[in-house]
């Protein structure tokens, strides 16, 4: 095997959890390798490019309640990477959710903070790992493209079902109680549309609206969020979990029309662009009780992500940070 593909630590996943972990490991003198199957950084904080500007089609905002994450957010605020978009968003009845808690966003797309965490890291994208196994007291990761990586310590930050599938493919043995708990962690799916319209949307002034959940749960106007003076609106529409589950395998064109019909009261003018995306793992329905899990002692394996202790962007950051600390210790 190519010795260049032998690393002391590999982090699988370049979303918030993986990059938070890799950043802390790097600051502590380690040299982790980060692998991700996508073309770029972000995971569920990625953005979709359009000729009218980017649209955050995953997470539209995040909040900070834990002092450790707030410290990181404060640093991003000082750098101008994030801003306080609103203090909660209204639902159809005018009731405000998350009242008084700042909802932070990024002007150039939510993955801006991930690019900040990624500075100086060794990251290999377009590396879709299809099997993880133990070979000669090391972890061996085999990719769809034929690459093979070896490491003494592995941190997996993908959604829990994906991590378990990779371990199952390699016939990796785990503690029965851990495997049972991990196997019970499932996620809500989400069908999302990115819609550009020729006129401003009749959404509330701050540009975010919670809906009943079915068929739509959330609408956000990227143009209004970033204070754009453009005449158009760049909207993300998130379908609710029941609708998304029921229509997951249906024709995208048919599903798109159903979502657009439900969103019609908040669309204005001509539809200049419509794009479709499926988030299989949007929000965990339950989480592992600890911020991370040491799942294997030799070679060393940790699991982390937003399926551990608390969900959301903050939960992913805290889980990655906890896993890096555990690796360092």
C-alpha atoms as a PDB file:
ATOM      1  CA  UNK A   1       0.000   0.000   0.000  1.00  0.00           C
ATOM      2  CA  UNK A   2       1.120   3.547  -0.691  1.00  0.00           C
ATOM      3  CA  UNK A   3       2.740   4.790   2.543  1.00  0.00           C
ATOM      4  CA  UNK A   4       1.317   8.235   1.801  1.00  0.00           C
ATOM      5  CA  UNK A   5      -2.115   6.772   2.560  1.00  0.00           C
ATOM      6  CA  UNK A   6      -1.069   5.686   6.054  1.00  0.00           C
ATOM      7  CA  UNK A   7      -2.100   8.264   8.680  1.00  0.00           C
ATOM      8  CA  UNK A   8      -2.059   8.477  12.458  1.00  0.00           C
ATOM      9  CA  UNK A   9      -5.626   9.873  12.594  1.00  0.00           C
ATOM     10  CA  UNK A  10      -8.365   9.906   9.968  1.00  0.00           C
ATOM     11  CA  UNK A  11     -11.583  11.882  10.368  1.00  0.00           C
ATOM     12  CA  UNK A  12     -14.394  10.656   8.165  1.00  0.00           C
ATOM     13  CA  UNK A  13     -16.757  13.495   7.263  1.00  0.00           C
ATOM     14  CA  UNK A  14     -16.146  17.186   6.490  1.00  0.00           C
ATOM     15  CA  UNK A  15     -19.285  18.558   8.112  1.00  0.00           C
ATOM     16  CA  UNK A  16     -19.421  20.585  11.312  1.00  0.00           C
ATOM     17  CA  UNK A  17     -18.571  17.692  13.630  1.00  0.00           C
ATOM     18  CA  UNK A  18     -15.653  16.351  11.600  1.00  0.00           C
ATOM     19  CA  UNK A  19     -14.074  19.742  10.977  1.00  0.00           C
ATOM     20  CA  UNK A  20     -14.522  20.868  14.602  1.00  0.00           C
ATOM     21  CA  UNK A  21     -12.671  17.727  15.667  1.00  0.00           C
ATOM     22  CA  UNK A  22      -9.961  17.978  13.020  1.00  0.00           C
ATOM     23  CA  UNK A  23      -9.382  21.662  13.801  1.00  0.00           C
ATOM     24  CA  UNK A  24      -8.846  20.968  17.504  1.00  0.00           C
ATOM     25  CA  UNK A  25      -6.593  17.994  16.733  1.00  0.00           C
ATOM     26  CA  UNK A  26      -4.515  20.162  14.399  1.00  0.00           C
ATOM     27  CA  UNK A  27      -4.236  22.954  16.974  1.00  0.00           C
ATOM     28  CA  UNK A  28      -2.974  20.327  19.442  1.00  0.00           C
ATOM     29  CA  UNK A  29      -0.122  19.263  17.164  1.00  0.00           C
ATOM     30  CA  UNK A  30      -1.724  16.312  15.365  1.00  0.00           C
ATOM     31  CA  UNK A  31      -2.008  15.972  11.596  1.00  0.00           C
ATOM     32  CA  UNK A  32      -5.398  14.417  10.899  1.00  0.00           C
ATOM     33  CA  UNK A  33      -6.539  13.509   7.410  1.00  0.00           C
ATOM     34  CA  UNK A  34     -10.169  14.400   6.637  1.00  0.00           C
ATOM     35  CA  UNK A  35     -12.072  12.371   4.042  1.00  0.00           C
ATOM     36  CA  UNK A  36     -15.448  13.274   2.561  1.00  0.00           C
ATOM     37  CA  UNK A  37     -17.516  11.859  -0.294  1.00  0.00           C
ATOM     38  CA  UNK A  38     -18.798  15.252  -1.485  1.00  0.00           C
ATOM     39  CA  UNK A  39     -17.141  17.712  -3.849  1.00  0.00           C
ATOM     40  CA  UNK A  40     -16.821  20.344  -1.120  1.00  0.00           C
ATOM     41  CA  UNK A  41     -17.221  21.032   2.577  1.00  0.00           C
ATOM     42  CA  UNK A  42     -20.433  21.373   4.462  1.00  0.00           C
ATOM     43  CA  UNK A  43     -22.595  18.291   4.786  1.00  0.00           C
ATOM     44  CA  UNK A  44     -25.985  19.627   5.867  1.00  0.00           C
ATOM     45  CA  UNK A  45     -24.480  23.135   6.023  1.00  0.00           C
ATOM     46  CA  UNK A  46     -23.642  23.193   2.329  1.00  0.00           C
ATOM     47  CA  UNK A  47     -25.057  25.680  -0.146  1.00  0.00           C
ATOM     48  CA  UNK A  48     -26.378  25.428  -3.680  1.00  0.00           C
ATOM     49  CA  UNK A  49     -25.044  27.916  -6.222  1.00  0.00           C
ATOM     50  CA  UNK A  50     -27.387  29.691  -8.632  1.00  0.00           C
ATOM     51  CA  UNK A  51     -26.734  32.482 -11.127  1.00  0.00           C
ATOM     52  CA  UNK A  52     -28.621  34.788  -8.726  1.00  0.00           C
ATOM     53  CA  UNK A  53     -26.474  33.829  -5.731  1.00  0.00           C
ATOM     54  CA  UNK A  54     -26.152  30.969  -3.215  1.00  0.00           C
ATOM     55  CA  UNK A  55     -29.005  29.294  -1.348  1.00  0.00           C
ATOM     56  CA  UNK A  56     -28.523  27.480   1.969  1.00  0.00           C
ATOM     57  CA  UNK A  57     -30.576  24.389   1.228  1.00  0.00           C
ATOM     58  CA  UNK A  58     -29.747  22.576   4.468  1.00  0.00           C
ATOM     59  CA  UNK A  59     -29.373  24.491   7.736  1.00  0.00           C
ATOM     60  CA  UNK A  60     -30.609  28.081   7.336  1.00  0.00           C
ATOM     61  CA  UNK A  61     -29.313  29.238  10.717  1.00  0.00           C
ATOM     62  CA  UNK A  62     -27.900  27.987  14.010  1.00  0.00           C
ATOM     63  CA  UNK A  63     -28.070  28.983  17.648  1.00  0.00           C
ATOM     64  CA  UNK A  64     -25.579  28.919  20.515  1.00  0.00           C
ATOM     65  CA  UNK A  65     -26.614  27.957  24.034  1.00  0.00           C
ATOM     66  CA  UNK A  66     -23.447  26.233  25.275  1.00  0.00           C
ATOM     67  CA  UNK A  67     -20.531  28.492  26.377  1.00  0.00           C
ATOM     68  CA  UNK A  68     -17.989  26.502  24.363  1.00  0.00           C
ATOM     69  CA  UNK A  69     -19.889  26.940  21.108  1.00  0.00           C
ATOM     70  CA  UNK A  70     -20.747  30.560  21.931  1.00  0.00           C
ATOM     71  CA  UNK A  71     -17.022  31.267  22.270  1.00  0.00           C
ATOM     72  CA  UNK A  72     -16.495  29.915  18.761  1.00  0.00           C
ATOM     73  CA  UNK A  73     -19.466  31.879  17.415  1.00  0.00           C
ATOM     74  CA  UNK A  74     -18.094  35.065  19.008  1.00  0.00           C
ATOM     75  CA  UNK A  75     -14.832  34.522  17.113  1.00  0.00           C
ATOM     76  CA  UNK A  76     -16.778  34.134  13.864  1.00  0.00           C
ATOM     77  CA  UNK A  77     -18.720  37.298  14.656  1.00  0.00           C
ATOM     78  CA  UNK A  78     -15.468  39.225  15.119  1.00  0.00           C
ATOM     79  CA  UNK A  79     -14.223  37.932  11.753  1.00  0.00           C
ATOM     80  CA  UNK A  80     -17.453  38.974  10.070  1.00  0.00           C
ATOM     81  CA  UNK A  81     -18.220  35.398   9.017  1.00  0.00           C
ATOM     82  CA  UNK A  82     -21.567  35.274  10.788  1.00  0.00           C
ATOM     83  CA  UNK A  83     -24.256  37.727  11.846  1.00  0.00           C
ATOM     84  CA  UNK A  84     -27.345  37.612  14.028  1.00  0.00           C
ATOM     85  CA  UNK A  85     -30.152  37.167  11.510  1.00  0.00           C
ATOM     86  CA  UNK A  86     -33.139  37.219  13.857  1.00  0.00           C
ATOM     87  CA  UNK A  87     -34.220  36.374  17.389  1.00  0.00           C
ATOM     88  CA  UNK A  88     -36.657  33.636  16.505  1.00  0.00           C
ATOM     89  CA  UNK A  89     -39.070  33.180  13.612  1.00  0.00           C
ATOM     90  CA  UNK A  90     -42.834  33.351  13.474  1.00  0.00           C
ATOM     91  CA  UNK A  91     -45.202  30.561  12.521  1.00  0.00           C
ATOM     92  CA  UNK A  92     -48.382  30.937  10.505  1.00  0.00           C
ATOM     93  CA  UNK A  93     -50.257  32.063  13.599  1.00  0.00           C
ATOM     94  CA  UNK A  94     -47.756  34.832  14.329  1.00  0.00           C
ATOM     95  CA  UNK A  95     -46.259  33.063  17.352  1.00  0.00           C
ATOM     96  CA  UNK A  96     -42.479  33.360  17.518  1.00  0.00           C
ATOM     97  CA  UNK A  97     -40.360  30.273  18.093  1.00  0.00           C
ATOM     98  CA  UNK A  98     -36.908  30.457  19.716  1.00  0.00           C
ATOM     99  CA  UNK A  99     -37.892  33.858  21.204  1.00  0.00           C
ATOM    100  CA  UNK A 100     -34.969  36.040  22.229  1.00  0.00           C
ATOM    101  CA  UNK A 101     -32.244  33.592  21.187  1.00  0.00           C
ATOM    102  CA  UNK A 102     -30.042  34.867  18.334  1.00  0.00           C
ATOM    103  CA  UNK A 103     -30.321  32.873  15.121  1.00  0.00           C
ATOM    104  CA  UNK A 104     -26.934  33.165  13.426  1.00  0.00           C
ATOM    105  CA  UNK A 105     -26.350  32.928   9.682  1.00  0.00           C
ATOM    106  CA  UNK A 106     -23.534  33.485   7.180  1.00  0.00           C
ATOM    107  CA  UNK A 107     -23.711  36.089   4.456  1.00  0.00           C
ATOM    108  CA  UNK A 108     -21.837  34.016   1.860  1.00  0.00           C
ATOM    109  CA  UNK A 109     -23.491  30.694   2.705  1.00  0.00           C
ATOM    110  CA  UNK A 110     -23.534  28.553   5.829  1.00  0.00           C
ATOM    111  CA  UNK A 111     -20.418  26.631   4.840  1.00  0.00           C
ATOM    112  CA  UNK A 112     -18.327  29.786   5.413  1.00  0.00           C
ATOM    113  CA  UNK A 113     -17.727  28.776   9.035  1.00  0.00           C
ATOM    114  CA  UNK A 114     -16.679  25.302   7.917  1.00  0.00           C
ATOM    115  CA  UNK A 115     -14.152  26.803   5.530  1.00  0.00           C
ATOM    116  CA  UNK A 116     -12.766  28.702   8.520  1.00  0.00           C
ATOM    117  CA  UNK A 117     -12.435  25.494  10.568  1.00  0.00           C
ATOM    118  CA  UNK A 118     -10.836  23.776   7.570  1.00  0.00           C
ATOM    119  CA  UNK A 119      -7.933  26.209   7.232  1.00  0.00           C
ATOM    120  CA  UNK A 120      -4.631  24.349   7.258  1.00  0.00           C
ATOM    121  CA  UNK A 121      -6.228  20.891   7.312  1.00  0.00           C
ATOM    122  CA  UNK A 122      -5.425  18.031   4.942  1.00  0.00           C
ATOM    123  CA  UNK A 123      -8.816  17.322   3.342  1.00  0.00           C
ATOM    124  CA  UNK A 124      -9.502  14.865   0.534  1.00  0.00           C
ATOM    125  CA  UNK A 125     -12.931  15.326  -1.051  1.00  0.00           C
ATOM    126  CA  UNK A 126     -14.704  13.024  -3.554  1.00  0.00           C
ATOM    127  CA  UNK A 127     -13.559  10.061  -1.450  1.00  0.00           C
ATOM    128  CA  UNK A 128     -16.644   7.892  -0.927  1.00  0.00           C
ATOM    129  CA  UNK A 129     -15.669   5.226   1.592  1.00  0.00           C
ATOM    130  CA  UNK A 130     -17.600   2.000   1.060  1.00  0.00           C
ATOM    131  CA  UNK A 131     -16.020  -0.271   3.685  1.00  0.00           C
ATOM    132  CA  UNK A 132     -14.174   0.073   6.995  1.00  0.00           C
ATOM    133  CA  UNK A 133     -12.370  -2.946   8.443  1.00  0.00           C
ATOM    134  CA  UNK A 134      -9.454  -3.935  10.692  1.00  0.00           C
ATOM    135  CA  UNK A 135      -6.231  -5.030   8.979  1.00  0.00           C
ATOM    136  CA  UNK A 136      -3.032  -5.692  10.965  1.00  0.00           C
ATOM    137  CA  UNK A 137      -4.204  -3.691  14.001  1.00  0.00           C
ATOM    138  CA  UNK A 138      -5.096  -0.673  11.878  1.00  0.00           C
ATOM    139  CA  UNK A 139      -8.282   0.650  10.365  1.00  0.00           C
ATOM    140  CA  UNK A 140      -8.461   0.205   6.632  1.00  0.00           C
ATOM    141  CA  UNK A 141     -10.824   2.429   4.644  1.00  0.00           C
ATOM    142  CA  UNK A 142     -11.642   1.400   1.086  1.00  0.00           C
ATOM    143  CA  UNK A 143     -13.168   3.923  -1.303  1.00  0.00           C
ATOM    144  CA  UNK A 144     -15.452   3.550  -4.268  1.00  0.00           C
ATOM    145  CA  UNK A 145     -12.664   4.835  -6.505  1.00  0.00           C
ATOM    146  CA  UNK A 146     -10.221   2.132  -5.414  1.00  0.00           C
ATOM    147  CA  UNK A 147      -8.196   4.159  -2.890  1.00  0.00           C
ATOM    148  CA  UNK A 148      -7.144   2.478   0.366  1.00  0.00           C
ATOM    149  CA  UNK A 149      -6.290   4.380   3.541  1.00  0.00           C
ATOM    150  CA  UNK A 150      -4.858   3.055   6.815  1.00  0.00           C
ATOM    151  CA  UNK A 151      -4.896   4.672  10.249  1.00  0.00           C
ATOM    152  CA  UNK A 152      -4.246   3.918  13.908  1.00  0.00           C
ATOM    153  CA  UNK A 153      -7.196   6.050  15.049  1.00  0.00           C
ATOM    154  CA  UNK A 154     -10.465   6.683  13.248  1.00  0.00           C
ATOM    155  CA  UNK A 155     -13.209   9.214  13.984  1.00  0.00           C
ATOM    156  CA  UNK A 156     -16.463   8.680  12.072  1.00  0.00           C
ATOM    157  CA  UNK A 157     -18.834  11.671  11.998  1.00  0.00           C
ATOM    158  CA  UNK A 158     -21.372  10.679   9.333  1.00  0.00           C
ATOM    159  CA  UNK A 159     -25.018  10.135  10.318  1.00  0.00           C
ATOM    160  CA  UNK A 160     -25.097   7.066  12.570  1.00  0.00           C
ATOM    161  CA  UNK A 161     -26.819   4.691  10.096  1.00  0.00           C
ATOM    162  CA  UNK A 162     -24.156   5.452   7.479  1.00  0.00           C
ATOM    163  CA  UNK A 163     -21.301   4.851   9.952  1.00  0.00           C
ATOM    164  CA  UNK A 164     -22.854   1.565  11.083  1.00  0.00           C
ATOM    165  CA  UNK A 165     -23.264   0.400   7.486  1.00  0.00           C
ATOM    166  CA  UNK A 166     -19.567   1.021   6.745  1.00  0.00           C
ATOM    167  CA  UNK A 167     -18.584  -0.943   9.863  1.00  0.00           C
ATOM    168  CA  UNK A 168     -21.018  -3.737   8.997  1.00  0.00           C
ATOM    169  CA  UNK A 169     -19.503  -3.981   5.508  1.00  0.00           C
ATOM    170  CA  UNK A 170     -16.135  -4.604   7.176  1.00  0.00           C
ATOM    171  CA  UNK A 171     -17.591  -7.044   9.715  1.00  0.00           C
ATOM    172  CA  UNK A 172     -16.331  -4.900  12.603  1.00  0.00           C
ATOM    173  CA  UNK A 173     -17.391  -6.176  16.019  1.00  0.00           C
ATOM    174  CA  UNK A 174     -18.875  -3.677  18.467  1.00  0.00           C
ATOM    175  CA  UNK A 175     -20.118  -3.985  22.025  1.00  0.00           C
ATOM    176  CA  UNK A 176     -23.653  -5.418  21.842  1.00  0.00           C
ATOM    177  CA  UNK A 177     -25.207  -2.654  23.959  1.00  0.00           C
ATOM    178  CA  UNK A 178     -23.482   0.065  21.907  1.00  0.00           C
ATOM    179  CA  UNK A 179     -24.529  -1.533  18.622  1.00  0.00           C
ATOM    180  CA  UNK A 180     -28.135  -1.836  19.818  1.00  0.00           C
ATOM    181  CA  UNK A 181     -28.304   1.798  20.925  1.00  0.00           C
ATOM    182  CA  UNK A 182     -26.655   3.054  17.753  1.00  0.00           C
ATOM    183  CA  UNK A 183     -28.958   0.947  15.583  1.00  0.00           C
ATOM    184  CA  UNK A 184     -31.986   2.593  17.214  1.00  0.00           C
ATOM    185  CA  UNK A 185     -30.905   6.089  16.111  1.00  0.00           C
ATOM    186  CA  UNK A 186     -32.899   7.144  13.064  1.00  0.00           C
ATOM    187  CA  UNK A 187     -33.316  10.494  11.331  1.00  0.00           C
ATOM    188  CA  UNK A 188     -36.114  12.533   9.833  1.00  0.00           C
ATOM    189  CA  UNK A 189     -35.790  12.866   6.043  1.00  0.00           C
ATOM    190  CA  UNK A 190     -36.390  16.150   4.240  1.00  0.00           C
ATOM    191  CA  UNK A 191     -37.225  16.927   0.635  1.00  0.00           C
ATOM    192  CA  UNK A 192     -36.016  20.428  -0.203  1.00  0.00           C
ATOM    193  CA  UNK A 193     -36.584  22.861  -3.052  1.00  0.00           C
ATOM    194  CA  UNK A 194     -34.472  25.870  -3.961  1.00  0.00           C
ATOM    195  CA  UNK A 195     -36.660  28.374  -5.794  1.00  0.00           C
ATOM    196  CA  UNK A 196     -35.667  31.705  -7.342  1.00  0.00           C
ATOM    197  CA  UNK A 197     -38.596  34.032  -8.100  1.00  0.00           C
ATOM    198  CA  UNK A 198     -38.650  37.326  -9.972  1.00  0.00           C
ATOM    199  CA  UNK A 199     -40.363  39.241  -7.141  1.00  0.00           C
ATOM    200  CA  UNK A 200     -39.967  39.582  -3.398  1.00  0.00           C
ATOM    201  CA  UNK A 201     -41.712  36.889  -1.394  1.00  0.00           C
ATOM    202  CA  UNK A 202     -44.578  37.879   0.951  1.00  0.00           C
ATOM    203  CA  UNK A 203     -42.784  36.221   3.871  1.00  0.00           C
ATOM    204  CA  UNK A 204     -42.399  38.042   7.210  1.00  0.00           C
ATOM    205  CA  UNK A 205     -39.878  40.889   7.154  1.00  0.00           C
ATOM    206  CA  UNK A 206     -37.010  38.777   8.520  1.00  0.00           C
ATOM    207  CA  UNK A 207     -37.503  36.212   5.755  1.00  0.00           C
ATOM    208  CA  UNK A 208     -38.141  33.047   7.779  1.00  0.00           C
ATOM    209  CA  UNK A 209     -41.419  31.226   8.472  1.00  0.00           C
ATOM    210  CA  UNK A 210     -42.270  28.058  10.380  1.00  0.00           C
ATOM    211  CA  UNK A 211     -45.207  26.140   8.922  1.00  0.00           C
ATOM    212  CA  UNK A 212     -47.460  23.419  10.295  1.00  0.00           C
ATOM    213  CA  UNK A 213     -45.026  20.706   9.210  1.00  0.00           C
ATOM    214  CA  UNK A 214     -46.987  18.915   6.522  1.00  0.00           C
ATOM    215  CA  UNK A 215     -46.459  19.209   3.678  1.00  0.00           C
ATOM    216  CA  UNK A 216     -44.156  22.162   4.458  1.00  0.00           C
ATOM    217  CA  UNK A 217     -42.218  22.808   7.656  1.00  0.00           C
ATOM    218  CA  UNK A 218     -39.941  25.782   6.835  1.00  0.00           C
ATOM    219  CA  UNK A 219     -39.469  28.529   4.260  1.00  0.00           C
ATOM    220  CA  UNK A 220     -36.554  30.960   4.226  1.00  0.00           C
ATOM    221  CA  UNK A 221     -35.651  33.770   1.853  1.00  0.00           C
ATOM    222  CA  UNK A 222     -31.892  33.951   1.333  1.00  0.00           C
ATOM    223  CA  UNK A 223     -32.199  37.395  -0.265  1.00  0.00           C
ATOM    224  CA  UNK A 224     -34.009  38.832   2.741  1.00  0.00           C
ATOM    225  CA  UNK A 225     -31.660  37.054   5.155  1.00  0.00           C
ATOM    226  CA  UNK A 226     -28.577  38.678   3.652  1.00  0.00           C
ATOM    227  CA  UNK A 227     -30.185  42.087   3.078  1.00  0.00           C
ATOM    228  CA  UNK A 228     -29.905  41.832  -0.698  1.00  0.00           C
ATOM    229  CA  UNK A 229     -31.349  44.735  -2.687  1.00  0.00           C
ATOM    230  CA  UNK A 230     -32.149  42.442  -5.620  1.00  0.00           C
ATOM    231  CA  UNK A 231     -35.740  42.367  -6.807  1.00  0.00           C
ATOM    232  CA  UNK A 232     -35.885  38.569  -6.728  1.00  0.00           C
ATOM    233  CA  UNK A 233     -36.173  36.063  -3.901  1.00  0.00           C
ATOM    234  CA  UNK A 234     -33.947  33.036  -3.341  1.00  0.00           C
ATOM    235  CA  UNK A 235     -36.055  30.633  -1.311  1.00  0.00           C
ATOM    236  CA  UNK A 236     -35.457  27.287   0.342  1.00  0.00           C
ATOM    237  CA  UNK A 237     -38.554  25.169   1.012  1.00  0.00           C
ATOM    238  CA  UNK A 238     -38.313  22.237   3.427  1.00  0.00           C
ATOM    239  CA  UNK A 239     -41.021  19.597   3.298  1.00  0.00           C
ATOM    240  CA  UNK A 240     -42.125  18.002   6.552  1.00  0.00           C
ATOM    241  CA  UNK A 241     -40.870  14.542   7.635  1.00  0.00           C
ATOM    242  CA  UNK A 242     -44.136  12.687   6.954  1.00  0.00           C
ATOM    243  CA  UNK A 243     -44.487  14.152   3.458  1.00  0.00           C
ATOM    244  CA  UNK A 244     -40.792  13.545   2.754  1.00  0.00           C
ATOM    245  CA  UNK A 245     -40.969   9.936   3.906  1.00  0.00           C
ATOM    246  CA  UNK A 246     -44.140   9.237   1.914  1.00  0.00           C
ATOM    247  CA  UNK A 247     -42.816  10.781  -1.323  1.00  0.00           C
ATOM    248  CA  UNK A 248     -39.122   9.889  -1.000  1.00  0.00           C
ATOM    249  CA  UNK A 249     -38.932   7.536  -3.973  1.00  0.00           C
ATOM    250  CA  UNK A 250     -41.452   9.303  -6.196  1.00  0.00           C
ATOM    251  CA  UNK A 251     -40.660  11.165  -9.395  1.00  0.00           C
ATOM    252  CA  UNK A 252     -38.867  14.429  -8.471  1.00  0.00           C
ATOM    253  CA  UNK A 253     -40.892  16.416 -10.995  1.00  0.00           C
ATOM    254  CA  UNK A 254     -44.184  15.297  -9.463  1.00  0.00           C
ATOM    255  CA  UNK A 255     -42.980  15.947  -5.908  1.00  0.00           C
ATOM    256  CA  UNK A 256     -41.650  19.359  -6.919  1.00  0.00           C
ATOM    257  CA  UNK A 257     -45.074  20.387  -8.205  1.00  0.00           C
ATOM    258  CA  UNK A 258     -46.749  19.284  -4.969  1.00  0.00           C
ATOM    259  CA  UNK A 259     -44.313  21.274  -2.832  1.00  0.00           C
ATOM    260  CA  UNK A 260     -44.650  24.349  -5.058  1.00  0.00           C
ATOM    261  CA  UNK A 261     -48.437  24.127  -4.815  1.00  0.00           C
ATOM    262  CA  UNK A 262     -48.245  24.091  -1.005  1.00  0.00           C
ATOM    263  CA  UNK A 263     -45.814  27.032  -1.046  1.00  0.00           C
ATOM    264  CA  UNK A 264     -47.794  29.104  -3.553  1.00  0.00           C
ATOM    265  CA  UNK A 265     -48.997  31.723  -0.992  1.00  0.00           C
ATOM    266  CA  UNK A 266     -45.349  32.672  -0.342  1.00  0.00           C
ATOM    267  CA  UNK A 267     -44.150  32.717  -3.941  1.00  0.00           C
ATOM    268  CA  UNK A 268     -44.395  35.887  -6.035  1.00  0.00           C
ATOM    269  CA  UNK A 269     -43.667  36.545  -9.685  1.00  0.00           C
ATOM    270  CA  UNK A 270     -42.097  34.237 -12.225  1.00  0.00           C
ATOM    271  CA  UNK A 271     -40.153  31.156 -11.120  1.00  0.00           C
ATOM    272  CA  UNK A 272     -36.707  31.703 -12.552  1.00  0.00           C
ATOM    273  CA  UNK A 273     -35.125  28.531 -11.185  1.00  0.00           C
ATOM    274  CA  UNK A 274     -36.261  25.427  -9.265  1.00  0.00           C
ATOM    275  CA  UNK A 275     -33.835  22.818  -7.905  1.00  0.00           C
ATOM    276  CA  UNK A 276     -34.604  19.653  -5.936  1.00  0.00           C
ATOM    277  CA  UNK A 277     -32.616  17.956  -3.172  1.00  0.00           C
ATOM    278  CA  UNK A 278     -33.161  15.011  -0.824  1.00  0.00           C
ATOM    279  CA  UNK A 279     -31.762  15.137   2.710  1.00  0.00           C
ATOM    280  CA  UNK A 280     -31.954  11.548   3.955  1.00  0.00           C
ATOM    281  CA  UNK A 281     -30.600  12.421   7.388  1.00  0.00           C
ATOM    282  CA  UNK A 282     -31.899  15.839   8.364  1.00  0.00           C
ATOM    283  CA  UNK A 283     -32.617  15.598  12.108  1.00  0.00           C
ATOM    284  CA  UNK A 284     -32.067  12.670  14.504  1.00  0.00           C
ATOM    285  CA  UNK A 285     -35.278  11.388  16.100  1.00  0.00           C
ATOM    286  CA  UNK A 286     -33.242  10.320  19.140  1.00  0.00           C
ATOM    287  CA  UNK A 287     -29.612  10.793  20.102  1.00  0.00           C
ATOM    288  CA  UNK A 288     -26.902   8.755  21.804  1.00  0.00           C
ATOM    289  CA  UNK A 289     -26.773   9.806  25.487  1.00  0.00           C
ATOM    290  CA  UNK A 290     -23.094  10.877  25.412  1.00  0.00           C
ATOM    291  CA  UNK A 291     -21.404  13.516  23.209  1.00  0.00           C
ATOM    292  CA  UNK A 292     -19.302  10.843  21.494  1.00  0.00           C
ATOM    293  CA  UNK A 293     -18.632   7.123  21.721  1.00  0.00           C
ATOM    294  CA  UNK A 294     -15.384   5.191  22.037  1.00  0.00           C
ATOM    295  CA  UNK A 295     -16.575   2.198  20.064  1.00  0.00           C
ATOM    296  CA  UNK A 296     -13.337   0.258  19.643  1.00  0.00           C
ATOM    297  CA  UNK A 297     -10.137   0.275  21.722  1.00  0.00           C
ATOM    298  CA  UNK A 298      -7.497  -1.258  19.439  1.00  0.00           C
ATOM    299  CA  UNK A 299      -7.310   0.152  16.870  1.00  0.00           C
ATOM    300  CA  UNK A 300      -9.013   3.227  18.260  1.00  0.00           C
ATOM    301  CA  UNK A 301     -12.462   4.161  16.960  1.00  0.00           C
ATOM    302  CA  UNK A 302     -14.708   7.059  17.972  1.00  0.00           C
ATOM    303  CA  UNK A 303     -18.141   7.969  16.639  1.00  0.00           C
ATOM    304  CA  UNK A 304     -19.481  11.519  16.822  1.00  0.00           C
ATOM    305  CA  UNK A 305     -21.905  13.893  15.124  1.00  0.00           C
ATOM    306  CA  UNK A 306     -25.289  15.488  15.640  1.00  0.00           C
ATOM    307  CA  UNK A 307     -26.700  12.076  16.599  1.00  0.00           C
ATOM    308  CA  UNK A 308     -24.811  12.312  19.895  1.00  0.00           C
ATOM    309  CA  UNK A 309     -26.269  14.010  22.991  1.00  0.00           C
ATOM    310  CA  UNK A 310     -27.835  16.961  21.177  1.00  0.00           C
ATOM    311  CA  UNK A 311     -28.863  17.548  17.583  1.00  0.00           C
ATOM    312  CA  UNK A 312     -28.314  20.550  15.347  1.00  0.00           C
ATOM    313  CA  UNK A 313     -25.261  22.558  14.353  1.00  0.00           C
ATOM    314  CA  UNK A 314     -24.272  23.281  17.954  1.00  0.00           C
ATOM    315  CA  UNK A 315     -24.635  19.614  18.892  1.00  0.00           C
ATOM    316  CA  UNK A 316     -22.444  18.565  15.971  1.00  0.00           C
ATOM    317  CA  UNK A 317     -19.727  21.051  16.972  1.00  0.00           C
ATOM    318  CA  UNK A 318     -19.760  19.977  20.627  1.00  0.00           C
ATOM    319  CA  UNK A 319     -19.680  16.293  19.685  1.00  0.00           C
ATOM    320  CA  UNK A 320     -16.710  16.768  17.387  1.00  0.00           C
ATOM    321  CA  UNK A 321     -14.901  18.799  20.038  1.00  0.00           C
ATOM    322  CA  UNK A 322     -15.548  16.113  22.665  1.00  0.00           C
ATOM    323  CA  UNK A 323     -14.339  13.345  20.349  1.00  0.00           C
ATOM    324  CA  UNK A 324     -11.100  15.241  19.596  1.00  0.00           C
ATOM    325  CA  UNK A 325     -10.470  15.743  23.304  1.00  0.00           C
ATOM    326  CA  UNK A 326     -11.068  12.039  23.924  1.00  0.00           C
ATOM    327  CA  UNK A 327      -8.657  11.113  21.143  1.00  0.00           C
ATOM    328  CA  UNK A 328      -6.017  13.439  22.559  1.00  0.00           C
ATOM    329  CA  UNK A 329      -6.350  11.931  26.007  1.00  0.00           C
END
